[in-house]
Amino acid sequence: MKIGIAQLNYMIGDFNGNFEKMKQAIEQAIATNADLLLFSELCVCGYPPRDFLEFNHFIKECENTIHQLATVAADKIAILVGAPSRNPSKDGKDLFNSAYFIENGKIKYIAHKTLLPTYDVFDEYRYFEPNKVFDVVDFKGKKLAITICEDIWDTGEENPLYRINPVAELAKHKPDILLNLSASPFNYQQAKKRIDVIRKNATQFQLPVFYCNGVGAQTELIFDGGSVVMDAHGNVIDEMPYFETCVRFYDTENLLPSIEQDKNATKLIHDALVCGIQNYFQKLGFKKAILGLSGGVDSALVLALAVRALGKENVLSVLMPSQFSTSHSVDDSMKLLENLGSPYKIIPIKDVYDVYEKILQPHFENKPFDVTEENLQARIRGNYLMALSNKFGYILLNTTNKSEAAVGYGTLYGDMCGGLAVLADVYKTQIYDVCHYINRDEEIIPNHILTKAPSAELRDGQKDSDSLPDYAILDKVLFQYIEQHQGPDELEAMGFDEKLITRILRMVNRNEFKRHQTPPILRVSPKAFGSGRRLPIVGKYLES
C-alpha cells in the first residue's frame, strides 16, 4: 500500500484556502498512484478553532469542505481528514474532534478523538465529547487503526493523565497500521518527545505508525511539522522537515530506516520564531514591521529575526536616544543596521521628555527622580512607535524577553506595548544563545552588543543588575518555578539562597497584572506566559 502524508500550513477559518491546499495535495497523491493520503488534526478548519466551534455556520462550513474534498478524491484515492463532527446524541457535548475516512468519494468511517487534553494551551473538553467506541477500518486488505493526536500520548508512564489507552483498545482488533492525525504545538523539547512517544506505540503494539502533524503558526502557537513514519520495530523511516510544508509518499512493503532531523534546541527556537513572525504577518495580511532599536541584545535579535522572516526592506527600526543613552548604543545599532541593510529612523526623545518633566514637576511635589521618570521615557518611546505604526500600517514588534516578563522588568504602555511579543518566551540567557547561532558563520549581531552589560539606560550608569539578580542565576530559578513548577522548598533544596528565592518568586507573582496586558507571545517553551499559564492577578501566594 502506498500512503502519503500531507504536512500543510492551514489558517483557522480559511475554508477556501485550506481546501485549495488540500486539493493540490490530493491531486499530487493521485498523480503518484497513492492509495491513501493523511492530513492533520482539524485541518479543514485549522487548529485551534476555539470558540468558533460554537457557531453553527462554522460547523456547516467544515461539513461543506469535507464534501468538496470527497468529490476531489472521488474513486481515485482514499483520504483521512481532520474536522469536527456533530454528536448525534443529545447527551454530552455537541461535537466530536474527528477523522473522516473517505473512500470512493464517500465518508466510509468517522473516528473520534478519545483523549481530550485540558492542560497548558489545550482546552478541548470545553468543546468536544470523548470517543467511547473503538473499531478499525478495512482498506486494501489491511486493518487501519485511526487515532487523533493525544490518543497516542498515554503511553503508560508512572502518572498517566487518562484512565484509558485508545491504542490498546484498538489493538484488540489486531490492526496492521496505526495512523495518527495531529496538531501538536511546538516547544523546543517537543520534537524529541514526539519521536519517543511514537516509538513506544510502535514497539509496544508492534505496528508501523504514520503520524501527520500540521505546520505553521496560529497566532502564539507554532506547529513545527516533523511528521513521522516509523516501522513496527521503532526505526524512524522518515521524519519530515521542521517548519516547512511537505507532501511525501511511502510504500508500506518497503519501509527503510532513515536519519532523524536535527533537534538542537537553539536552532529550533530560532526557526520557530522566524516562522511565528512570518505567519503572523502573512495570515493577518500585513507586510511591514516596526520596532524600537535600543542597542541592546533583545531588540537586536528581534530585528535580525524579523529581517529573516519578512525581508530587510519590510522592517523599520527606530532609534530613540535620550540624555541617558550611551554613545555605543547608537553606534552598535548602526553597525547592526549596516550588517542587515534594513531602514531606520533616529528620533530623540529628550525634547518631549523635558516638556513632560516641566509640566509635571509642580504636580510631583518636589519628589526626587525615580522610576516614574524612567517609565515616562519608555512611554514616550512607545508613543513614537505606535504613532508610526498607525500612520503607515506597521505592526509593532515587542522586544521584551521572558526573564523581564517574568519579574515585571518593563513599562506598561511603554516598552511592553506592541502587536506581537517575539521573545517573551525566551529567557535572557537563551537570547544570547540564539544570537550566537545567528552569528555562527559571520558577525551579523555586533559582538559588543553580546558582551556589554545589559541596561535599560533610563538613568545615568544604569544596569539591569541594579534591579535584578544576575541573569545566569535568575533564569535558573525562573525555569524551575515556571516550567517545572518547583516551589520554595524544592528550590532551596537545589541550593538556591532562601532570600533570593523569596525575592524572585514574589516579583513573578506580583507582576501577573502586567503579563495580562502584553501582546500575544510566540510560544517556544513547554510553559509560556499566556493561555497556557493561568494564574490569578489578585492573590497572596508567596507574598508574605
Protein backbone atom coordinates (compact mmCIF):
# COMPACT_ATOMS: atom_id res chain seq x y z
CA MET A 1 0.00 0.00 0.00
CA LYS A 2 1.21 3.50 -0.82
CA ILE A 3 0.44 6.04 1.90
CA GLY A 4 1.02 9.77 1.66
CA ILE A 5 1.40 12.37 4.39
CA ALA A 6 0.40 15.96 3.70
CA GLN A 7 2.13 18.27 6.19
CA LEU A 8 0.43 21.59 5.40
CA ASN A 9 0.08 25.08 6.85
CA TYR A 10 -3.56 25.92 7.48
CA MET A 11 -5.31 29.08 8.61
CA ILE A 12 -8.11 28.99 11.15
CA GLY A 13 -11.45 29.62 9.46
CA ASP A 14 -9.98 29.96 5.94
CA PHE A 15 -12.08 27.18 4.46
CA ASN A 16 -11.42 28.08 0.84
CA GLY A 17 -7.69 28.48 1.37
CA ASN A 18 -7.42 25.26 3.36
CA PHE A 19 -9.44 23.39 0.75
CA GLU A 20 -7.20 24.58 -2.09
CA LYS A 21 -4.06 23.40 -0.27
CA MET A 22 -5.61 20.02 0.44
CA LYS A 23 -6.93 19.74 -3.12
CA GLN A 24 -3.43 20.26 -4.52
CA ALA A 25 -2.07 17.58 -2.18
CA ILE A 26 -4.79 15.14 -3.23
CA GLU A 27 -4.06 15.77 -6.92
CA GLN A 28 -0.36 15.23 -6.25
CA ALA A 29 -1.16 11.96 -4.46
CA ILE A 30 -3.38 10.77 -7.29
CA ALA A 31 -0.60 11.53 -9.77
CA THR A 32 1.77 9.26 -7.83
CA ASN A 33 -0.84 6.45 -7.62
CA ALA A 34 -1.05 6.66 -3.83
CA ASP A 35 -3.76 4.62 -2.12
CA LEU A 36 -4.28 6.80 0.97
CA LEU A 37 -3.41 10.37 1.91
CA LEU A 38 -3.29 11.62 5.52
CA PHE A 39 -3.97 15.18 6.63
CA SER A 40 -3.61 16.61 10.13
CA GLU A 41 -5.97 17.15 13.05
CA LEU A 42 -8.84 19.61 12.42
CA CYS A 43 -7.11 20.61 9.19
CA VAL A 44 -10.36 21.59 7.48
CA CYS A 45 -10.95 24.48 9.88
CA GLY A 46 -7.43 24.99 11.24
CA TYR A 47 -6.24 24.30 14.78
CA PRO A 48 -7.11 25.50 17.39
CA PRO A 49 -10.51 26.91 16.31
CA ARG A 50 -11.52 27.56 19.92
CA ASP A 51 -14.90 29.31 20.30
CA PHE A 52 -15.50 29.39 16.54
CA LEU A 53 -16.69 25.84 17.21
CA GLU A 54 -19.73 27.30 18.98
CA PHE A 55 -21.06 28.77 15.73
CA ASN A 56 -23.32 26.52 13.67
CA HIS A 57 -22.24 28.30 10.49
CA PHE A 58 -18.62 27.39 11.23
CA ILE A 59 -19.51 23.70 11.55
CA LYS A 60 -21.54 23.84 8.33
CA GLU A 61 -18.51 25.26 6.52
CA CYS A 62 -16.47 22.32 7.83
CA GLU A 63 -19.07 19.88 6.53
CA ASN A 64 -19.21 21.59 3.13
CA THR A 65 -15.42 21.39 2.83
CA ILE A 66 -15.45 17.68 3.69
CA HIS A 67 -17.90 17.03 0.86
CA GLN A 68 -15.78 19.11 -1.54
CA LEU A 69 -12.71 17.06 -0.64
CA ALA A 70 -14.64 13.83 -1.13
CA THR A 71 -15.53 14.99 -4.63
CA VAL A 72 -11.89 15.73 -5.44
CA ALA A 73 -10.73 12.34 -4.17
CA ALA A 74 -13.60 10.54 -5.90
CA ASP A 75 -12.74 6.92 -6.63
CA LYS A 76 -9.09 7.70 -7.27
CA ILE A 77 -7.74 7.80 -3.73
CA ALA A 78 -8.80 7.43 -0.08
CA ILE A 79 -8.16 10.34 2.26
CA LEU A 80 -8.12 10.77 6.03
CA VAL A 81 -9.17 14.28 7.03
CA GLY A 82 -9.44 16.02 10.40
CA ALA A 83 -12.59 18.05 11.15
CA PRO A 84 -15.24 18.46 13.83
CA SER A 85 -18.31 16.25 13.55
CA ARG A 86 -21.69 16.52 15.20
CA ASN A 87 -22.65 14.32 18.14
CA PRO A 88 -25.95 12.61 17.19
CA SER A 89 -26.76 12.03 20.86
CA LYS A 90 -28.44 14.77 22.89
CA ASP A 91 -26.24 13.76 25.82
CA GLY A 92 -22.77 15.20 26.17
CA LYS A 93 -21.02 17.86 24.09
CA ASP A 94 -22.42 18.69 20.66
CA LEU A 95 -19.23 17.91 18.74
CA PHE A 96 -16.51 15.32 18.34
CA ASN A 97 -12.94 16.02 17.23
CA SER A 98 -12.91 13.61 14.32
CA ALA A 99 -11.01 11.99 11.48
CA TYR A 100 -13.08 11.31 8.34
CA PHE A 101 -12.02 8.27 6.34
CA ILE A 102 -13.21 8.96 2.80
CA GLU A 103 -13.12 6.22 0.14
CA ASN A 104 -14.68 6.20 -3.33
CA GLY A 105 -15.85 9.75 -2.78
CA LYS A 106 -17.91 8.84 0.28
CA ILE A 107 -17.45 9.02 4.04
CA LYS A 108 -16.76 5.41 4.96
CA TYR A 109 -15.94 5.88 8.65
CA ILE A 110 -15.58 8.67 11.21
CA ALA A 111 -13.13 8.08 14.05
CA HIS A 112 -13.42 10.32 17.10
CA LYS A 113 -10.70 11.55 19.43
CA THR A 114 -10.79 9.80 22.79
CA LEU A 115 -8.33 11.75 24.92
CA LEU A 116 -9.23 15.43 25.10
CA PRO A 117 -6.36 17.42 26.64
CA THR A 118 -7.31 20.11 29.11
CA TYR A 119 -3.95 21.42 30.27
CA ASP A 120 -1.46 24.08 29.25
CA VAL A 121 -2.69 25.62 25.94
CA PHE A 122 -5.30 22.89 25.39
CA ASP A 123 -8.96 23.18 26.30
CA GLU A 124 -10.59 20.52 24.15
CA TYR A 125 -13.09 19.21 26.66
CA ARG A 126 -14.65 22.67 26.52
CA TYR A 127 -15.92 21.77 23.04
CA PHE A 128 -15.74 18.04 22.35
CA GLU A 129 -17.27 14.79 23.56
CA PRO A 130 -14.73 11.99 24.07
CA ASN A 131 -14.92 8.86 21.95
CA LYS A 132 -16.14 5.66 23.59
CA VAL A 133 -16.26 3.28 20.60
CA PHE A 134 -13.17 1.60 19.17
CA ASP A 135 -13.00 -0.03 15.78
CA VAL A 136 -10.64 -0.35 12.82
CA VAL A 137 -11.13 0.39 9.12
CA ASP A 138 -10.66 -2.29 6.48
CA PHE A 139 -8.83 -0.90 3.48
CA LYS A 140 -6.94 -2.64 0.69
CA GLY A 141 -6.67 -5.82 2.73
CA LYS A 142 -5.28 -4.00 5.79
CA LYS A 143 -6.84 -3.04 9.09
CA LEU A 144 -6.20 0.61 9.92
CA ALA A 145 -6.27 1.93 13.50
CA ILE A 146 -7.11 5.63 13.37
CA THR A 147 -6.15 7.93 16.24
CA ILE A 148 -6.00 11.69 16.76
CA CYS A 149 -3.06 13.45 18.41
CA GLU A 150 -3.36 12.94 22.19
CA ASP A 151 -4.73 9.43 21.68
CA ILE A 152 -1.18 8.05 21.27
CA TRP A 153 0.36 10.07 24.14
CA ASP A 154 -0.95 8.00 27.05
CA THR A 155 1.93 5.52 26.95
CA GLY A 156 1.57 4.03 30.44
CA GLU A 157 4.05 6.22 32.30
CA GLU A 158 4.10 6.35 36.09
CA ASN A 159 1.43 9.07 36.44
CA PRO A 160 -0.87 8.82 33.40
CA LEU A 161 -3.36 11.62 32.74
CA TYR A 162 -6.09 9.31 31.50
CA ARG A 163 -7.86 6.12 32.54
CA ILE A 164 -7.94 4.59 29.06
CA ASN A 165 -5.37 3.90 26.36
CA PRO A 166 -7.06 4.24 22.95
CA VAL A 167 -4.29 2.40 21.08
CA ALA A 168 -4.58 -0.55 23.48
CA GLU A 169 -8.31 -0.65 22.79
CA LEU A 170 -7.77 -0.54 19.05
CA ALA A 171 -5.05 -3.19 19.32
CA LYS A 172 -7.71 -5.70 20.39
CA HIS A 173 -8.91 -5.64 16.74
CA LYS A 174 -5.42 -6.65 15.54
CA PRO A 175 -4.75 -3.71 13.20
CA ASP A 176 -1.94 -3.72 10.66
CA ILE A 177 -1.13 0.00 10.66
CA LEU A 178 -1.53 2.79 13.21
CA LEU A 179 -2.47 6.20 11.77
CA ASN A 180 -2.40 9.44 13.74
CA LEU A 181 -3.61 12.91 12.76
CA SER A 182 -2.01 15.57 14.94
CA ALA A 183 -1.87 19.28 15.62
CA SER A 184 0.92 19.22 18.18
CA PRO A 185 2.20 22.69 19.14
CA PHE A 186 5.93 23.28 19.11
CA ASN A 187 8.22 23.73 22.05
CA TYR A 188 11.95 23.15 21.94
CA GLN A 189 11.58 19.79 23.74
CA GLN A 190 8.63 18.50 21.72
CA ALA A 191 10.43 17.01 18.71
CA LYS A 192 12.36 14.53 20.87
CA LYS A 193 9.29 13.68 22.96
CA ARG A 194 7.26 13.12 19.80
CA ILE A 195 9.73 10.53 18.47
CA ASP A 196 9.82 8.80 21.87
CA VAL A 197 6.02 8.60 22.09
CA ILE A 198 5.64 7.28 18.55
CA ARG A 199 8.38 4.70 19.21
CA LYS A 200 6.65 3.48 22.39
CA ASN A 201 3.44 2.92 20.45
CA ALA A 202 5.18 1.22 17.55
CA THR A 203 7.19 -1.19 19.69
CA GLN A 204 4.53 -1.87 22.33
CA PHE A 205 1.86 -2.78 19.77
CA GLN A 206 4.21 -3.97 17.00
CA LEU A 207 2.66 -1.62 14.46
CA PRO A 208 4.09 0.72 11.85
CA VAL A 209 2.99 4.29 12.59
CA PHE A 210 2.11 7.05 10.14
CA TYR A 211 1.95 10.34 12.04
CA CYS A 212 0.84 13.54 10.28
CA ASN A 213 1.38 16.86 12.06
CA GLY A 214 0.41 20.37 11.00
CA VAL A 215 2.96 23.10 10.36
CA GLY A 216 2.99 26.89 10.68
CA ALA A 217 1.95 29.43 13.30
CA GLN A 218 -1.53 30.24 14.53
CA THR A 219 -1.06 33.49 16.48
CA GLU A 220 1.04 32.45 19.50
CA LEU A 221 1.03 28.70 18.80
CA ILE A 222 3.65 27.40 16.39
CA PHE A 223 3.48 23.96 14.75
CA ASP A 224 6.78 22.54 13.57
CA GLY A 225 5.58 19.70 11.35
CA GLY A 226 8.13 16.92 11.80
CA SER A 227 5.61 14.28 10.65
CA VAL A 228 6.92 10.77 11.20
CA VAL A 229 6.82 7.34 9.63
CA MET A 230 8.12 4.58 11.89
CA ASP A 231 8.25 0.82 11.46
CA ALA A 232 6.99 -1.71 13.98
CA HIS A 233 10.48 -2.06 15.49
CA GLY A 234 10.75 1.64 16.35
CA ASN A 235 13.01 2.59 13.46
CA VAL A 236 12.43 6.05 12.03
CA ILE A 237 11.65 5.62 8.34
CA ASP A 238 11.22 9.35 7.79
CA GLU A 239 10.92 12.50 9.84
CA MET A 240 9.64 15.29 7.64
CA PRO A 241 11.20 18.79 7.74
CA TYR A 242 10.51 21.20 10.57
CA PHE A 243 8.68 24.46 9.78
CA GLU A 244 8.12 23.52 6.13
CA THR A 245 5.12 22.29 4.19
CA CYS A 246 5.78 18.90 2.66
CA VAL A 247 3.95 16.02 0.95
CA ARG A 248 5.67 12.62 0.83
CA PHE A 249 4.70 9.06 -0.02
CA TYR A 250 5.69 5.67 1.41
CA ASP A 251 5.35 2.06 0.34
CA THR A 252 4.27 0.04 3.39
CA GLU A 253 6.06 -3.01 1.99
CA ASN A 254 9.36 -1.19 1.66
CA LEU A 255 10.00 0.94 4.75
CA LEU A 256 13.73 1.58 5.09
CA PRO A 257 15.25 3.35 8.16
CA SER A 258 16.43 6.92 7.70
CA ILE A 259 18.01 9.73 9.76
CA GLU A 260 16.09 11.98 12.15
CA GLN A 261 16.07 15.78 11.90
CA ASP A 262 18.49 17.92 13.93
CA LYS A 263 16.90 18.63 17.34
CA ASN A 264 19.30 21.30 18.60
CA ALA A 265 17.16 23.46 20.90
CA THR A 266 18.73 26.79 19.91
CA LYS A 267 18.28 26.12 16.19
CA LEU A 268 14.69 25.05 16.78
CA ILE A 269 13.92 28.20 18.79
CA HIS A 270 15.44 30.36 16.05
CA ASP A 271 13.47 28.64 13.30
CA ALA A 272 10.25 28.71 15.32
CA LEU A 273 10.50 32.45 15.97
CA VAL A 274 11.13 33.19 12.29
CA CYS A 275 8.13 31.01 11.38
CA GLY A 276 5.99 32.68 14.07
CA ILE A 277 6.74 36.20 12.86
CA GLN A 278 6.31 35.29 9.20
CA ASN A 279 2.98 33.53 9.62
CA TYR A 280 1.56 36.16 11.99
CA PHE A 281 2.09 38.81 9.33
CA GLN A 282 1.03 36.67 6.37
CA LYS A 283 -2.18 35.46 7.97
CA LEU A 284 -3.16 38.94 9.17
CA GLY A 285 -2.41 40.42 5.76
CA PHE A 286 0.41 42.70 6.95
CA LYS A 287 3.84 43.07 5.36
CA LYS A 288 5.75 45.63 7.40
CA ALA A 289 7.06 45.65 10.96
CA ILE A 290 8.45 48.37 13.21
CA LEU A 291 10.49 48.09 16.40
CA GLY A 292 12.46 50.23 18.77
CA LEU A 293 16.18 49.53 18.37
CA SER A 294 17.97 50.32 21.62
CA GLY A 295 21.47 48.97 21.06
CA GLY A 296 20.70 46.09 23.43
CA VAL A 297 20.68 42.40 22.69
CA ASP A 298 16.90 41.87 22.76
CA SER A 299 15.98 44.43 20.12
CA ALA A 300 18.99 43.37 18.06
CA LEU A 301 17.76 39.78 17.99
CA VAL A 302 14.18 40.79 17.16
CA LEU A 303 15.45 42.86 14.24
CA ALA A 304 17.60 40.01 12.92
CA LEU A 305 14.70 37.54 13.18
CA ALA A 306 12.21 39.94 11.61
CA VAL A 307 14.53 40.61 8.67
CA ARG A 308 14.77 36.86 8.07
CA ALA A 309 11.01 36.46 8.34
CA LEU A 310 9.82 39.50 6.40
CA GLY A 311 12.72 40.76 4.32
CA LYS A 312 15.09 43.60 5.20
CA GLU A 313 13.07 46.24 3.35
CA ASN A 314 9.96 45.47 5.40
CA VAL A 315 11.36 46.09 8.88
CA LEU A 316 11.78 49.67 10.14
CA SER A 317 13.98 50.27 13.19
CA VAL A 318 13.52 53.43 15.25
CA LEU A 319 16.41 54.64 17.41
CA MET A 320 15.15 56.90 20.18
CA PRO A 321 18.14 58.10 22.21
CA SER A 322 17.75 60.17 25.37
CA GLN A 323 20.17 62.13 27.51
CA PHE A 324 20.84 58.85 29.34
CA SER A 325 21.71 56.86 26.21
CA THR A 326 25.34 55.88 25.76
CA SER A 327 27.12 56.61 22.50
CA HIS A 328 27.81 52.92 21.96
CA SER A 329 24.08 52.17 21.94
CA VAL A 330 23.65 54.22 18.78
CA ASP A 331 26.95 53.00 17.32
CA ASP A 332 26.11 49.35 17.96
CA SER A 333 22.65 49.81 16.45
CA MET A 334 24.08 51.47 13.35
CA LYS A 335 26.57 48.63 12.88
CA LEU A 336 23.75 46.10 13.13
CA LEU A 337 21.64 48.05 10.63
CA GLU A 338 24.59 48.20 8.26
CA ASN A 339 25.02 44.42 8.53
CA LEU A 340 21.33 43.77 7.89
CA GLY A 341 20.70 46.53 5.35
CA SER A 342 17.31 47.48 6.74
CA PRO A 343 15.83 51.02 7.00
CA TYR A 344 15.80 53.12 10.18
CA LYS A 345 14.87 56.45 11.71
CA ILE A 346 16.51 58.35 14.57
CA ILE A 347 14.03 60.30 16.71
CA PRO A 348 15.48 61.61 20.01
CA ILE A 349 13.11 61.80 22.98
CA LYS A 350 14.85 64.46 25.13
CA ASP A 351 12.79 67.42 23.95
CA VAL A 352 9.50 65.66 24.61
CA TYR A 353 10.77 64.31 27.93
CA ASP A 354 11.78 67.82 29.02
CA VAL A 355 8.28 69.09 28.26
CA TYR A 356 6.72 66.27 30.28
CA GLU A 357 9.07 66.98 33.17
CA LYS A 358 8.32 70.71 33.10
CA ILE A 359 4.56 70.22 33.03
CA LEU A 360 4.52 67.52 35.71
CA GLN A 361 7.14 68.99 38.03
CA PRO A 362 4.70 71.16 40.04
CA HIS A 363 2.46 68.12 40.47
CA PHE A 364 5.28 65.83 41.60
CA GLU A 365 5.60 67.93 44.79
CA ASN A 366 9.40 68.11 44.54
CA LYS A 367 9.80 64.37 44.91
CA PRO A 368 13.17 63.10 43.60
CA PHE A 369 13.81 61.37 40.26
CA ASP A 370 12.70 57.73 40.45
CA VAL A 371 11.06 55.01 38.38
CA THR A 372 8.33 57.48 37.39
CA GLU A 373 10.70 59.45 35.19
CA GLU A 374 12.19 56.23 33.86
CA ASN A 375 8.74 55.00 32.84
CA LEU A 376 8.00 58.35 31.18
CA GLN A 377 10.90 57.77 28.82
CA ALA A 378 9.68 54.27 27.96
CA ARG A 379 6.15 55.55 27.32
CA ILE A 380 7.38 58.37 25.08
CA ARG A 381 9.19 55.76 23.00
CA GLY A 382 6.06 53.62 22.95
CA ASN A 383 4.03 56.59 21.72
CA TYR A 384 6.53 57.31 18.95
CA LEU A 385 6.40 53.71 17.76
CA MET A 386 2.61 53.45 17.92
CA ALA A 387 2.21 56.74 16.06
CA LEU A 388 4.37 55.47 13.21
CA SER A 389 2.55 52.15 13.34
CA ASN A 390 -0.82 53.88 12.96
CA LYS A 391 0.34 56.28 10.26
CA PHE A 392 1.99 53.72 7.99
CA GLY A 393 0.31 50.41 8.86
CA TYR A 394 3.21 48.71 10.62
CA ILE A 395 2.84 46.03 13.27
CA LEU A 396 4.97 46.88 16.30
CA LEU A 397 7.21 44.03 17.41
CA ASN A 398 7.65 43.90 21.18
CA THR A 399 11.20 43.08 22.31
CA THR A 400 10.59 42.02 25.94
CA ASN A 401 12.30 38.75 26.92
CA LYS A 402 10.90 36.06 29.23
CA SER A 403 13.16 36.97 32.15
CA GLU A 404 11.87 40.56 32.10
CA ALA A 405 8.26 39.49 31.56
CA ALA A 406 8.52 37.08 34.49
CA VAL A 407 9.66 39.64 37.05
CA GLY A 408 7.85 42.68 35.64
CA TYR A 409 11.00 44.46 34.48
CA GLY A 410 9.23 46.56 31.89
CA THR A 411 6.86 49.51 31.49
CA LEU A 412 3.21 49.03 30.67
CA TYR A 413 2.22 51.16 27.65
CA GLY A 414 5.92 51.73 27.06
CA ASP A 415 8.38 49.01 26.12
CA MET A 416 5.71 46.39 26.80
CA CYS A 417 3.37 47.59 24.04
CA GLY A 418 3.16 46.06 20.58
CA GLY A 419 1.27 43.71 18.29
CA LEU A 420 3.44 40.63 18.80
CA ALA A 421 5.84 39.70 21.61
CA VAL A 422 8.61 37.89 19.77
CA LEU A 423 10.94 36.98 22.64
CA ALA A 424 8.70 36.88 25.70
CA ASP A 425 9.04 33.09 25.90
CA VAL A 426 12.84 33.18 25.56
CA TYR A 427 14.95 33.70 28.69
CA LYS A 428 17.76 36.25 28.60
CA THR A 429 20.43 33.57 28.68
CA GLN A 430 18.73 31.84 25.73
CA ILE A 431 18.68 35.16 23.86
CA TYR A 432 22.47 35.11 23.75
CA ASP A 433 22.44 31.50 22.53
CA VAL A 434 20.18 32.39 19.61
CA CYS A 435 22.31 35.43 18.77
CA HIS A 436 25.44 33.28 18.67
CA TYR A 437 23.58 30.83 16.44
CA ILE A 438 22.78 33.68 14.03
CA ASN A 439 26.45 34.70 14.13
CA ARG A 440 27.73 31.14 13.58
CA ASP A 441 29.06 31.88 10.09
CA GLU A 442 29.59 35.66 10.19
CA GLU A 443 29.13 38.55 12.61
CA ILE A 444 25.63 39.86 11.99
CA ILE A 445 24.80 40.98 15.53
CA PRO A 446 27.82 43.08 16.60
CA ASN A 447 29.96 41.38 19.21
CA HIS A 448 29.87 44.42 21.50
CA ILE A 449 26.09 44.03 21.84
CA LEU A 450 26.70 40.49 23.09
CA THR A 451 29.45 41.37 25.56
CA LYS A 452 28.34 44.62 27.20
CA ALA A 453 26.32 44.68 30.41
CA PRO A 454 22.56 44.82 29.77
CA SER A 455 20.96 48.19 30.58
CA ALA A 456 17.64 49.94 30.05
CA GLU A 457 19.56 53.27 30.00
CA LEU A 458 16.79 55.18 31.74
CA ARG A 459 19.15 56.87 34.19
CA ASP A 460 22.87 57.57 34.37
CA GLY A 461 25.00 54.45 34.71
CA GLN A 462 22.01 52.12 34.97
CA LYS A 463 22.49 48.37 34.61
CA ASP A 464 19.90 45.56 34.76
CA SER A 465 21.92 44.06 37.60
CA ASP A 466 21.00 47.10 39.75
CA SER A 467 17.41 45.83 39.88
CA LEU A 468 17.68 42.13 39.13
CA PRO A 469 19.79 39.14 40.15
CA ASP A 470 22.39 38.06 37.61
CA TYR A 471 20.54 36.55 34.65
CA ALA A 472 22.54 33.31 34.87
CA ILE A 473 21.02 32.71 38.32
CA LEU A 474 17.68 34.41 37.74
CA ASP A 475 16.88 32.29 34.70
CA LYS A 476 17.63 29.04 36.51
CA VAL A 477 15.21 29.94 39.30
CA LEU A 478 12.57 31.15 36.85
CA PHE A 479 12.84 27.96 34.78
CA GLN A 480 12.36 25.76 37.83
CA TYR A 481 9.42 27.83 39.08
CA ILE A 482 7.62 28.46 35.78
CA GLU A 483 8.39 25.41 33.63
CA GLN A 484 8.99 22.82 36.34
CA HIS A 485 6.51 24.08 38.96
CA GLN A 486 9.09 23.90 41.73
CA GLY A 487 8.23 25.89 44.85
CA PRO A 488 10.39 27.50 47.56
CA ASP A 489 11.22 24.26 49.39
CA GLU A 490 12.34 22.47 46.24
CA LEU A 491 14.37 25.48 45.07
CA GLU A 492 16.12 25.74 48.42
CA ALA A 493 16.92 22.02 48.26
CA MET A 494 18.58 22.69 44.89
CA GLY A 495 20.97 25.05 46.60
CA PHE A 496 19.45 28.44 45.82
CA ASP A 497 19.58 31.09 48.53
CA GLU A 498 16.36 31.42 50.53
CA LYS A 499 16.25 35.23 50.34
CA LEU A 500 16.91 35.13 46.61
CA ILE A 501 14.11 32.62 46.09
CA THR A 502 11.67 34.75 48.07
CA ARG A 503 12.63 37.86 46.15
CA ILE A 504 12.31 36.30 42.70
CA LEU A 505 9.08 34.39 43.30
CA ARG A 506 7.49 37.46 44.84
CA MET A 507 8.39 39.50 41.76
CA VAL A 508 6.89 36.87 39.47
CA ASN A 509 3.59 36.66 41.32
CA ARG A 510 3.22 40.41 41.84
CA ASN A 511 3.53 41.14 38.13
CA GLU A 512 0.80 38.92 36.77
CA PHE A 513 -1.24 42.07 36.03
CA LYS A 514 1.43 43.24 33.59
CA ARG A 515 1.51 39.94 31.72
CA HIS A 516 -2.26 40.05 31.25
CA GLN A 517 -1.79 43.23 29.21
CA THR A 518 1.03 42.12 26.93
CA PRO A 519 0.76 41.27 23.20
CA PRO A 520 0.46 37.64 22.02
CA ILE A 521 3.64 35.78 22.94
CA LEU A 522 5.22 33.34 20.48
CA ARG A 523 5.35 30.03 22.36
CA VAL A 524 8.63 28.13 22.12
CA SER A 525 8.95 26.62 25.63
CA PRO A 526 6.98 23.92 27.45
CA LYS A 527 5.34 26.62 29.62
CA ALA A 528 4.83 30.05 28.11
CA PHE A 529 3.05 33.06 29.53
CA GLY A 530 -0.42 33.40 28.02
CA SER A 531 -3.21 30.86 27.57
CA GLY A 532 -1.03 28.00 28.80
CA ARG A 533 -0.29 29.55 32.21
CA ARG A 534 -3.37 30.68 34.10
CA LEU A 535 -2.77 32.41 37.40
CA PRO A 536 -4.93 34.96 39.23
CA ILE A 537 -3.93 38.61 39.15
CA VAL A 538 -5.20 39.17 42.69
CA GLY A 539 -3.70 36.70 45.14
CA LYS A 540 -1.35 36.43 48.09
CA TYR A 541 0.56 33.21 47.42
CA LEU A 542 4.26 33.72 48.32
CA GLU A 543 3.58 37.40 49.01
CA SER A 544 4.32 37.38 52.73
